[in-house]
Amino acid sequence: VGTGAGFPGMVLKIVRNDIDLTLLDGLNKRLIFLDEVLKT
């Protein structure tokens, strides 16, 4: 909740890919960044 640049959610997902993760934030430009990380 309020993931920002993906902390801690993105790190948790990279370490444990089995996690069913939702990244929530009120600022869309941060989510565009996180989409790029996920895609890459």
PDB file of all heavy atoms in Angstrom:
ATOM      1  N   VAL A   1       0.849  -1.197   0.000  1.00  0.00           N
ATOM      2  CA  VAL A   1       0.000   0.000   0.000  1.00  0.00           C
ATOM      3  C   VAL A   1       0.883   1.245   0.000  1.00  0.00           C
ATOM      4  O   VAL A   1       1.678   1.452   0.910  1.00  0.00           O
ATOM      5  CB  VAL A   1      -0.932  -0.003   1.224  1.00  0.00           C
ATOM      6  CG1 VAL A   1      -1.814   1.243   1.231  1.00  0.00           C
ATOM      7  CG2 VAL A   1      -1.795  -1.269   1.239  1.00  0.00           C
ATOM      8  N   GLY A   2       0.722   2.073  -1.033  1.00  0.00           N
ATOM      9  CA  GLY A   2       1.595   3.222  -1.184  1.00  0.00           C
ATOM     10  C   GLY A   2       3.000   2.786  -1.530  1.00  0.00           C
ATOM     11  O   GLY A   2       3.984   3.199  -0.926  1.00  0.00           O
ATOM     12  N   THR A   3       3.110   1.952  -2.557  1.00  0.00           N
ATOM     13  CA  THR A   3       4.369   1.270  -2.868  1.00  0.00           C
ATOM     14  C   THR A   3       5.487   2.206  -3.294  1.00  0.00           C
ATOM     15  O   THR A   3       6.656   1.888  -3.135  1.00  0.00           O
ATOM     16  CB  THR A   3       4.136   0.182  -3.939  1.00  0.00           C
ATOM     17  OG1 THR A   3       5.347  -0.529  -4.168  1.00  0.00           O
ATOM     18  CG2 THR A   3       3.651   0.789  -5.254  1.00  0.00           C
ATOM     19  N   GLY A   4       5.163   3.360  -3.850  1.00  0.00           N
ATOM     20  CA  GLY A   4       6.207   4.294  -4.271  1.00  0.00           C
ATOM     21  C   GLY A   4       7.074   3.708  -5.367  1.00  0.00           C
ATOM     22  O   GLY A   4       6.590   3.332  -6.437  1.00  0.00           O
ATOM     23  N   ALA A   5       8.361   3.579  -5.097  1.00  0.00           N
ATOM     24  CA  ALA A   5       9.289   3.014  -6.080  1.00  0.00           C
ATOM     25  C   ALA A   5       9.349   1.488  -6.013  1.00  0.00           C
ATOM     26  O   ALA A   5      10.210   0.875  -6.632  1.00  0.00           O
ATOM     27  CB  ALA A   5      10.683   3.598  -5.863  1.00  0.00           C
ATOM     28  N   GLY A   6       8.433   0.893  -5.232  1.00  0.00           N
ATOM     29  CA  GLY A   6       8.351  -0.569  -5.164  1.00  0.00           C
ATOM     30  C   GLY A   6       8.887  -1.186  -3.898  1.00  0.00           C
ATOM     31  O   GLY A   6       9.176  -2.384  -3.854  1.00  0.00           O
ATOM     32  N   PHE A   7       8.973  -0.376  -2.842  1.00  0.00           N
ATOM     33  CA  PHE A   7       9.500  -0.874  -1.569  1.00  0.00           C
ATOM     34  C   PHE A   7       8.395  -0.960  -0.524  1.00  0.00           C
ATOM     35  O   PHE A   7       7.725   0.035  -0.257  1.00  0.00           O
ATOM     36  CB  PHE A   7      10.624   0.041  -1.071  1.00  0.00           C
ATOM     37  CG  PHE A   7      11.717   0.242  -2.075  1.00  0.00           C
ATOM     38  CD1 PHE A   7      12.023   1.506  -2.539  1.00  0.00           C
ATOM     39  CD2 PHE A   7      12.427  -0.838  -2.581  1.00  0.00           C
ATOM     40  CE1 PHE A   7      13.025   1.693  -3.476  1.00  0.00           C
ATOM     41  CE2 PHE A   7      13.433  -0.652  -3.522  1.00  0.00           C
ATOM     42  CZ  PHE A   7      13.731   0.617  -3.971  1.00  0.00           C
ATOM     43  N   PRO A   8       8.173  -2.152   0.046  1.00  0.00           N
ATOM     44  CA  PRO A   8       8.983  -3.365  -0.122  1.00  0.00           C
ATOM     45  C   PRO A   8       8.497  -4.325  -1.203  1.00  0.00           C
ATOM     46  O   PRO A   8       9.164  -5.308  -1.494  1.00  0.00           O
ATOM     47  CB  PRO A   8       8.849  -4.038   1.243  1.00  0.00           C
ATOM     48  CG  PRO A   8       7.446  -3.734   1.657  1.00  0.00           C
ATOM     49  CD  PRO A   8       7.197  -2.322   1.161  1.00  0.00           C
ATOM     50  N   GLY A   9       7.327  -4.072  -1.807  1.00  0.00           N
ATOM     51  CA  GLY A   9       6.669  -5.086  -2.628  1.00  0.00           C
ATOM     52  C   GLY A   9       7.496  -5.656  -3.760  1.00  0.00           C
ATOM     53  O   GLY A   9       7.554  -6.880  -3.949  1.00  0.00           O
ATOM     54  N   MET A  10       8.127  -4.793  -4.539  1.00  0.00           N
ATOM     55  CA  MET A  10       8.894  -5.286  -5.688  1.00  0.00           C
ATOM     56  C   MET A  10      10.069  -6.149  -5.233  1.00  0.00           C
ATOM     57  O   MET A  10      10.386  -7.169  -5.861  1.00  0.00           O
ATOM     58  CB  MET A  10       9.390  -4.116  -6.537  1.00  0.00           C
ATOM     59  CG  MET A  10      10.072  -4.541  -7.826  1.00  0.00           C
ATOM     60  SD  MET A  10       8.943  -5.313  -9.024  1.00  0.00           S
ATOM     61  CE  MET A  10       8.137  -3.835  -9.669  1.00  0.00           C
ATOM     62  N   VAL A  11      10.715  -5.753  -4.141  1.00  0.00           N
ATOM     63  CA  VAL A  11      11.834  -6.553  -3.627  1.00  0.00           C
ATOM     64  C   VAL A  11      11.333  -7.921  -3.168  1.00  0.00           C
ATOM     65  O   VAL A  11      11.953  -8.949  -3.454  1.00  0.00           O
ATOM     66  CB  VAL A  11      12.548  -5.819  -2.472  1.00  0.00           C
ATOM     67  CG1 VAL A  11      13.655  -6.695  -1.880  1.00  0.00           C
ATOM     68  CG2 VAL A  11      13.120  -4.491  -2.955  1.00  0.00           C
ATOM     69  N   LEU A  12      10.193  -7.949  -2.474  1.00  0.00           N
ATOM     70  CA  LEU A  12       9.635  -9.221  -2.020  1.00  0.00           C
ATOM     71  C   LEU A  12       9.343 -10.139  -3.200  1.00  0.00           C
ATOM     72  O   LEU A  12       9.602 -11.342  -3.158  1.00  0.00           O
ATOM     73  CB  LEU A  12       8.356  -8.983  -1.215  1.00  0.00           C
ATOM     74  CG  LEU A  12       8.452  -8.065   0.007  1.00  0.00           C
ATOM     75  CD1 LEU A  12       7.114  -8.028   0.744  1.00  0.00           C
ATOM     76  CD2 LEU A  12       9.568  -8.498   0.954  1.00  0.00           C
ATOM     77  N   LYS A  13       8.822  -9.577  -4.277  1.00  0.00           N
ATOM     78  CA  LYS A  13       8.475 -10.364  -5.470  1.00  0.00           C
ATOM     79  C   LYS A  13       9.719 -10.902  -6.162  1.00  0.00           C
ATOM     80  O   LYS A  13       9.742 -12.051  -6.625  1.00  0.00           O
ATOM     81  CB  LYS A  13       7.661  -9.493  -6.441  1.00  0.00           C
ATOM     82  CG  LYS A  13       7.269 -10.183  -7.740  1.00  0.00           C
ATOM     83  CD  LYS A  13       6.257 -11.286  -7.511  1.00  0.00           C
ATOM     84  CE  LYS A  13       5.801 -11.903  -8.836  1.00  0.00           C
ATOM     85  NZ  LYS A  13       4.819 -12.993  -8.638  1.00  0.00           N
ATOM     86  N   ILE A  14      10.772 -10.089  -6.243  1.00  0.00           N
ATOM     87  CA  ILE A  14      12.013 -10.542  -6.884  1.00  0.00           C
ATOM     88  C   ILE A  14      12.628 -11.690  -6.088  1.00  0.00           C
ATOM     89  O   ILE A  14      13.116 -12.669  -6.652  1.00  0.00           O
ATOM     90  CB  ILE A  14      13.005  -9.366  -7.023  1.00  0.00           C
ATOM     91  CG1 ILE A  14      12.479  -8.357  -8.051  1.00  0.00           C
ATOM     92  CG2 ILE A  14      14.393  -9.859  -7.441  1.00  0.00           C
ATOM     93  CD1 ILE A  14      13.273  -7.063  -8.125  1.00  0.00           C
ATOM     94  N   VAL A  15      12.561 -11.589  -4.769  1.00  0.00           N
ATOM     95  CA  VAL A  15      13.122 -12.637  -3.909  1.00  0.00           C
ATOM     96  C   VAL A  15      12.242 -13.873  -3.888  1.00  0.00           C
ATOM     97  O   VAL A  15      12.742 -15.005  -3.860  1.00  0.00           O
ATOM     98  CB  VAL A  15      13.339 -12.084  -2.483  1.00  0.00           C
ATOM     99  CG1 VAL A  15      13.758 -13.186  -1.517  1.00  0.00           C
ATOM    100  CG2 VAL A  15      14.394 -10.982  -2.497  1.00  0.00           C
ATOM    101  N   ARG A  16      10.924 -13.666  -3.911  1.00  0.00           N
ATOM    102  CA  ARG A  16       9.957 -14.778  -3.858  1.00  0.00           C
ATOM    103  C   ARG A  16       8.945 -14.614  -4.985  1.00  0.00           C
ATOM    104  O   ARG A  16       7.878 -14.015  -4.821  1.00  0.00           O
ATOM    105  CB  ARG A  16       9.249 -14.777  -2.501  1.00  0.00           C
ATOM    106  CG  ARG A  16      10.038 -15.347  -1.334  1.00  0.00           C
ATOM    107  CD  ARG A  16       9.889 -16.860  -1.223  1.00  0.00           C
ATOM    108  NE  ARG A  16       8.495 -17.252  -1.166  1.00  0.00           N
ATOM    109  CZ  ARG A  16       7.776 -17.342  -0.047  1.00  0.00           C
ATOM    110  NH1 ARG A  16       8.333 -17.083   1.130  1.00  0.00           N
ATOM    111  NH2 ARG A  16       6.513 -17.719  -0.080  1.00  0.00           N
ATOM    112  N   ASN A  17       9.280 -15.170  -6.148  1.00  0.00           N
ATOM    113  CA  ASN A  17       8.432 -15.003  -7.330  1.00  0.00           C
ATOM    114  C   ASN A  17       7.057 -15.655  -7.172  1.00  0.00           C
ATOM    115  O   ASN A  17       6.120 -15.345  -7.905  1.00  0.00           O
ATOM    116  CB  ASN A  17       9.146 -15.571  -8.558  1.00  0.00           C
ATOM    117  CG  ASN A  17       8.428 -15.252  -9.853  1.00  0.00           C
ATOM    118  OD1 ASN A  17       7.690 -14.283  -9.938  1.00  0.00           O
ATOM    119  ND2 ASN A  17       8.640 -16.076 -10.861  1.00  0.00           N
ATOM    120  N   ASP A  18       6.917 -16.578  -6.198  1.00  0.00           N
ATOM    121  CA  ASP A  18       5.630 -17.259  -6.006  1.00  0.00           C
ATOM    122  C   ASP A  18       4.560 -16.339  -5.407  1.00  0.00           C
ATOM    123  O   ASP A  18       3.363 -16.643  -5.457  1.00  0.00           O
ATOM    124  CB  ASP A  18       5.810 -18.466  -5.087  1.00  0.00           C
ATOM    125  CG  ASP A  18       6.286 -18.065  -3.693  1.00  0.00           C
ATOM    126  OD1 ASP A  18       7.497 -17.848  -3.525  1.00  0.00           O
ATOM    127  OD2 ASP A  18       5.446 -17.945  -2.779  1.00  0.00           O
ATOM    128  N   ILE A  19       4.973 -15.214  -4.824  1.00  0.00           N
ATOM    129  CA  ILE A  19       4.024 -14.309  -4.184  1.00  0.00           C
ATOM    130  C   ILE A  19       3.056 -13.734  -5.213  1.00  0.00           C
ATOM    131  O   ILE A  19       3.438 -13.362  -6.323  1.00  0.00           O
ATOM    132  CB  ILE A  19       4.774 -13.158  -3.469  1.00  0.00           C
ATOM    133  CG1 ILE A  19       5.519 -13.675  -2.240  1.00  0.00           C
ATOM    134  CG2 ILE A  19       3.832 -12.024  -3.080  1.00  0.00           C
ATOM    135  CD1 ILE A  19       6.494 -12.682  -1.653  1.00  0.00           C
ATOM    136  N   ASP A  20       1.784 -13.671  -4.856  1.00  0.00           N
ATOM    137  CA  ASP A  20       0.746 -13.025  -5.670  1.00  0.00           C
ATOM    138  C   ASP A  20       0.678 -11.571  -5.211  1.00  0.00           C
ATOM    139  O   ASP A  20       0.068 -11.251  -4.195  1.00  0.00           O
ATOM    140  CB  ASP A  20      -0.587 -13.735  -5.448  1.00  0.00           C
ATOM    141  CG  ASP A  20      -1.711 -13.195  -6.320  1.00  0.00           C
ATOM    142  OD1 ASP A  20      -1.546 -12.114  -6.913  1.00  0.00           O
ATOM    143  OD2 ASP A  20      -2.779 -13.842  -6.387  1.00  0.00           O
ATOM    144  N   LEU A  21       1.329 -10.687  -5.963  1.00  0.00           N
ATOM    145  CA  LEU A  21       1.579  -9.322  -5.503  1.00  0.00           C
ATOM    146  C   LEU A  21       0.685  -8.295  -6.172  1.00  0.00           C
ATOM    147  O   LEU A  21       0.456  -8.344  -7.380  1.00  0.00           O
ATOM    148  CB  LEU A  21       3.053  -8.963  -5.779  1.00  0.00           C
ATOM    149  CG  LEU A  21       3.487  -7.539  -5.422  1.00  0.00           C
ATOM    150  CD1 LEU A  21       3.448  -7.305  -3.914  1.00  0.00           C
ATOM    151  CD2 LEU A  21       4.884  -7.249  -5.972  1.00  0.00           C
ATOM    152  N   THR A  22       0.222  -7.343  -5.362  1.00  0.00           N
ATOM    153  CA  THR A  22      -0.442  -6.144  -5.863  1.00  0.00           C
ATOM    154  C   THR A  22       0.347  -4.925  -5.387  1.00  0.00           C
ATOM    155  O   THR A  22       0.646  -4.801  -4.201  1.00  0.00           O
ATOM    156  CB  THR A  22      -1.891  -6.043  -5.344  1.00  0.00           C
ATOM    157  OG1 THR A  22      -2.643  -7.167  -5.822  1.00  0.00           O
ATOM    158  CG2 THR A  22      -2.566  -4.760  -5.827  1.00  0.00           C
ATOM    159  N   LEU A  23       0.681  -4.057  -6.332  1.00  0.00           N
ATOM    160  CA  LEU A  23       1.376  -2.809  -6.035  1.00  0.00           C
ATOM    161  C   LEU A  23       0.388  -1.664  -6.203  1.00  0.00           C
ATOM    162  O   LEU A  23      -0.119  -1.429  -7.308  1.00  0.00           O
ATOM    163  CB  LEU A  23       2.564  -2.620  -6.979  1.00  0.00           C
ATOM    164  CG  LEU A  23       3.648  -3.696  -6.917  1.00  0.00           C
ATOM    165  CD1 LEU A  23       4.550  -3.618  -8.146  1.00  0.00           C
ATOM    166  CD2 LEU A  23       4.478  -3.555  -5.650  1.00  0.00           C
ATOM    167  N   LEU A  24       0.093  -0.959  -5.118  1.00  0.00           N
ATOM    168  CA  LEU A  24      -0.919   0.098  -5.155  1.00  0.00           C
ATOM    169  C   LEU A  24      -0.288   1.440  -4.836  1.00  0.00           C
ATOM    170  O   LEU A  24       0.457   1.573  -3.862  1.00  0.00           O
ATOM    171  CB  LEU A  24      -2.042  -0.217  -4.164  1.00  0.00           C
ATOM    172  CG  LEU A  24      -3.211   0.774  -4.120  1.00  0.00           C
ATOM    173  CD1 LEU A  24      -4.536   0.033  -3.950  1.00  0.00           C
ATOM    174  CD2 LEU A  24      -3.051   1.789  -2.989  1.00  0.00           C
ATOM    175  N   ASP A  25      -0.595   2.430  -5.662  1.00  0.00           N
ATOM    176  CA  ASP A  25      -0.096   3.776  -5.406  1.00  0.00           C
ATOM    177  C   ASP A  25      -1.037   4.794  -6.041  1.00  0.00           C
ATOM    178  O   ASP A  25      -1.687   4.516  -7.058  1.00  0.00           O
ATOM    179  CB  ASP A  25       1.324   3.953  -5.968  1.00  0.00           C
ATOM    180  CG  ASP A  25       2.068   5.085  -5.285  1.00  0.00           C
ATOM    181  OD1 ASP A  25       1.953   6.239  -5.738  1.00  0.00           O
ATOM    182  OD2 ASP A  25       2.752   4.818  -4.272  1.00  0.00           O
ATOM    183  N   GLY A  26      -1.081   5.979  -5.439  1.00  0.00           N
ATOM    184  CA  GLY A  26      -1.947   7.037  -5.955  1.00  0.00           C
ATOM    185  C   GLY A  26      -1.310   7.871  -7.043  1.00  0.00           C
ATOM    186  O   GLY A  26      -1.987   8.713  -7.654  1.00  0.00           O
ATOM    187  N   LEU A  27      -0.008   7.670  -7.307  1.00  0.00           N
ATOM    188  CA  LEU A  27       0.707   8.457  -8.312  1.00  0.00           C
ATOM    189  C   LEU A  27       1.046   7.570  -9.498  1.00  0.00           C
ATOM    190  O   LEU A  27       1.866   6.658  -9.386  1.00  0.00           O
ATOM    191  CB  LEU A  27       1.974   9.056  -7.697  1.00  0.00           C
ATOM    192  CG  LEU A  27       2.632  10.213  -8.443  1.00  0.00           C
ATOM    193  CD1 LEU A  27       1.669  11.390  -8.580  1.00  0.00           C
ATOM    194  CD2 LEU A  27       3.895  10.664  -7.723  1.00  0.00           C
ATOM    195  N   ASN A  28       0.428   7.850 -10.645  1.00  0.00           N
ATOM    196  CA  ASN A  28       0.515   6.948 -11.780  1.00  0.00           C
ATOM    197  C   ASN A  28       1.925   6.840 -12.350  1.00  0.00           C
ATOM    198  O   ASN A  28       2.320   5.776 -12.840  1.00  0.00           O
ATOM    199  CB  ASN A  28      -0.455   7.384 -12.878  1.00  0.00           C
ATOM    200  CG  ASN A  28      -0.669   6.306 -13.921  1.00  0.00           C
ATOM    201  OD1 ASN A  28      -0.940   5.154 -13.576  1.00  0.00           O
ATOM    202  ND2 ASN A  28      -0.545   6.656 -15.182  1.00  0.00           N
ATOM    203  N   LYS A  29       2.696   7.919 -12.292  1.00  0.00           N
ATOM    204  CA  LYS A  29       4.036   7.851 -12.903  1.00  0.00           C
ATOM    205  C   LYS A  29       4.923   6.837 -12.187  1.00  0.00           C
ATOM    206  O   LYS A  29       5.798   6.225 -12.799  1.00  0.00           O
ATOM    207  CB  LYS A  29       4.690   9.232 -12.937  1.00  0.00           C
ATOM    208  CG  LYS A  29       4.999   9.860 -11.601  1.00  0.00           C
ATOM    209  CD  LYS A  29       5.622  11.244 -11.806  1.00  0.00           C
ATOM    210  CE  LYS A  29       6.000  11.898 -10.486  1.00  0.00           C
ATOM    211  NZ  LYS A  29       6.640  13.229 -10.696  1.00  0.00           N
ATOM    212  N   ARG A  30       4.696   6.645 -10.892  1.00  0.00           N
ATOM    213  CA  ARG A  30       5.451   5.607 -10.186  1.00  0.00           C
ATOM    214  C   ARG A  30       5.073   4.226 -10.717  1.00  0.00           C
ATOM    215  O   ARG A  30       5.914   3.333 -10.847  1.00  0.00           O
ATOM    216  CB  ARG A  30       5.179   5.681  -8.693  1.00  0.00           C
ATOM    217  CG  ARG A  30       5.718   6.932  -8.011  1.00  0.00           C
ATOM    218  CD  ARG A  30       5.271   6.972  -6.576  1.00  0.00           C
ATOM    219  NE  ARG A  30       5.678   8.199  -5.892  1.00  0.00           N
ATOM    220  CZ  ARG A  30       5.045   8.712  -4.853  1.00  0.00           C
ATOM    221  NH1 ARG A  30       3.964   8.117  -4.363  1.00  0.00           N
ATOM    222  NH2 ARG A  30       5.477   9.821  -4.288  1.00  0.00           N
ATOM    223  N   LEU A  31       3.790   4.051 -11.008  1.00  0.00           N
ATOM    224  CA  LEU A  31       3.325   2.755 -11.492  1.00  0.00           C
ATOM    225  C   LEU A  31       3.823   2.475 -12.906  1.00  0.00           C
ATOM    226  O   LEU A  31       4.053   1.314 -13.270  1.00  0.00           O
ATOM    227  CB  LEU A  31       1.801   2.703 -11.429  1.00  0.00           C
ATOM    228  CG  LEU A  31       1.218   2.873 -10.014  1.00  0.00           C
ATOM    229  CD1 LEU A  31      -0.300   2.872 -10.054  1.00  0.00           C
ATOM    230  CD2 LEU A  31       1.719   1.782  -9.074  1.00  0.00           C
ATOM    231  N   ILE A  32       3.995   3.526 -13.707  1.00  0.00           N
ATOM    232  CA  ILE A  32       4.579   3.352 -15.037  1.00  0.00           C
ATOM    233  C   ILE A  32       6.006   2.823 -14.894  1.00  0.00           C
ATOM    234  O   ILE A  32       6.433   1.916 -15.625  1.00  0.00           O
ATOM    235  CB  ILE A  32       4.550   4.683 -15.815  1.00  0.00           C
ATOM    236  CG1 ILE A  32       3.097   5.077 -16.118  1.00  0.00           C
ATOM    237  CG2 ILE A  32       5.348   4.565 -17.115  1.00  0.00           C
ATOM    238  CD1 ILE A  32       2.950   6.474 -16.697  1.00  0.00           C
ATOM    239  N   PHE A  33       6.733   3.368 -13.925  1.00  0.00           N
ATOM    240  CA  PHE A  33       8.082   2.867 -13.634  1.00  0.00           C
ATOM    241  C   PHE A  33       8.036   1.404 -13.208  1.00  0.00           C
ATOM    242  O   PHE A  33       8.808   0.571 -13.703  1.00  0.00           O
ATOM    243  CB  PHE A  33       8.731   3.718 -12.541  1.00  0.00           C
ATOM    244  CG  PHE A  33       9.900   3.057 -11.855  1.00  0.00           C
ATOM    245  CD1 PHE A  33      11.093   2.857 -12.531  1.00  0.00           C
ATOM    246  CD2 PHE A  33       9.797   2.621 -10.535  1.00  0.00           C
ATOM    247  CE1 PHE A  33      12.173   2.231 -11.899  1.00  0.00           C
ATOM    248  CE2 PHE A  33      10.864   2.005  -9.906  1.00  0.00           C
ATOM    249  CZ  PHE A  33      12.055   1.802 -10.590  1.00  0.00           C
ATOM    250  N   LEU A  34       7.134   1.063 -12.301  1.00  0.00           N
ATOM    251  CA  LEU A  34       7.054  -0.311 -11.808  1.00  0.00           C
ATOM    252  C   LEU A  34       6.628  -1.271 -12.914  1.00  0.00           C
ATOM    253  O   LEU A  34       7.097  -2.413 -12.962  1.00  0.00           O
ATOM    254  CB  LEU A  34       6.091  -0.383 -10.622  1.00  0.00           C
ATOM    255  CG  LEU A  34       6.561   0.373  -9.376  1.00  0.00           C
ATOM    256  CD1 LEU A  34       5.485   0.357  -8.299  1.00  0.00           C
ATOM    257  CD2 LEU A  34       7.864  -0.212  -8.844  1.00  0.00           C
ATOM    258  N   ASP A  35       5.761  -0.821 -13.802  1.00  0.00           N
ATOM    259  CA  ASP A  35       5.394  -1.640 -14.968  1.00  0.00           C
ATOM    260  C   ASP A  35       6.628  -1.966 -15.804  1.00  0.00           C
ATOM    261  O   ASP A  35       6.780  -3.089 -16.305  1.00  0.00           O
ATOM    262  CB  ASP A  35       4.373  -0.890 -15.834  1.00  0.00           C
ATOM    263  CG  ASP A  35       2.943  -1.304 -15.531  1.00  0.00           C
ATOM    264  OD1 ASP A  35       2.720  -2.474 -15.157  1.00  0.00           O
ATOM    265  OD2 ASP A  35       2.042  -0.462 -15.676  1.00  0.00           O
ATOM    266  N   GLU A  36       7.498  -0.986 -15.959  1.00  0.00           N
ATOM    267  CA  GLU A  36       8.723  -1.188 -16.733  1.00  0.00           C
ATOM    268  C   GLU A  36       9.631  -2.194 -16.047  1.00  0.00           C
ATOM    269  O   GLU A  36      10.239  -3.053 -16.705  1.00  0.00           O
ATOM    270  CB  GLU A  36       9.449   0.154 -16.922  1.00  0.00           C
ATOM    271  CG  GLU A  36      10.750   0.066 -17.704  1.00  0.00           C
ATOM    272  CD  GLU A  36      10.544  -0.331 -19.165  1.00  0.00           C
ATOM    273  OE1 GLU A  36       9.406  -0.193 -19.682  1.00  0.00           O
ATOM    274  OE2 GLU A  36      11.524  -0.789 -19.787  1.00  0.00           O
ATOM    275  N   VAL A  37       9.733  -2.105 -14.715  1.00  0.00           N
ATOM    276  CA  VAL A  37      10.547  -3.070 -13.968  1.00  0.00           C
ATOM    277  C   VAL A  37       9.994  -4.481 -14.150  1.00  0.00           C
ATOM    278  O   VAL A  37      10.739  -5.433 -14.446  1.00  0.00           O
ATOM    279  CB  VAL A  37      10.598  -2.703 -12.474  1.00  0.00           C
ATOM    280  CG1 VAL A  37      11.363  -3.778 -11.686  1.00  0.00           C
ATOM    281  CG2 VAL A  37      11.262  -1.345 -12.264  1.00  0.00           C
ATOM    282  N   LEU A  38       8.688  -4.633 -13.980  1.00  0.00           N
ATOM    283  CA  LEU A  38       8.056  -5.948 -14.127  1.00  0.00           C
ATOM    284  C   LEU A  38       8.272  -6.514 -15.531  1.00  0.00           C
ATOM    285  O   LEU A  38       8.602  -7.694 -15.699  1.00  0.00           O
ATOM    286  CB  LEU A  38       6.556  -5.840 -13.830  1.00  0.00           C
ATOM    287  CG  LEU A  38       6.177  -5.572 -12.370  1.00  0.00           C
ATOM    288  CD1 LEU A  38       4.712  -5.152 -12.267  1.00  0.00           C
ATOM    289  CD2 LEU A  38       6.428  -6.801 -11.497  1.00  0.00           C
ATOM    290  N   LYS A  39       8.080  -5.669 -16.529  1.00  0.00           N
ATOM    291  CA  LYS A  39       8.245  -6.100 -17.917  1.00  0.00           C
ATOM    292  C   LYS A  39       9.687  -6.524 -18.181  1.00  0.00           C
ATOM    293  O   LYS A  39       9.951  -7.576 -18.791  1.00  0.00           O
ATOM    294  CB  LYS A  39       7.842  -4.955 -18.852  1.00  0.00           C
ATOM    295  CG  LYS A  39       7.995  -5.268 -20.332  1.00  0.00           C
ATOM    296  CD  LYS A  39       7.597  -4.062 -21.179  1.00  0.00           C
ATOM    297  CE  LYS A  39       7.843  -4.323 -22.660  1.00  0.00           C
ATOM    298  NZ  LYS A  39       7.503  -3.119 -23.477  1.00  0.00           N
ATOM    299  N   THR A  40      10.651  -5.724 -17.713  1.00  0.00           N
ATOM    300  CA  THR A  40      12.065  -6.016 -17.948  1.00  0.00           C
ATOM    301  C   THR A  40      12.480  -7.322 -17.276  1.00  0.00           C
ATOM    302  O   THR A  40      13.234  -8.120 -17.838  1.00  0.00           O
ATOM    303  CB  THR A  40      12.942  -4.862 -17.435  1.00  0.00           C
ATOM    304  OG1 THR A  40      12.554  -3.648 -18.082  1.00  0.00           O
ATOM    305  CG2 THR A  40      14.417  -5.120 -17.705  1.00  0.00           C
TER     306      THR A  40
END
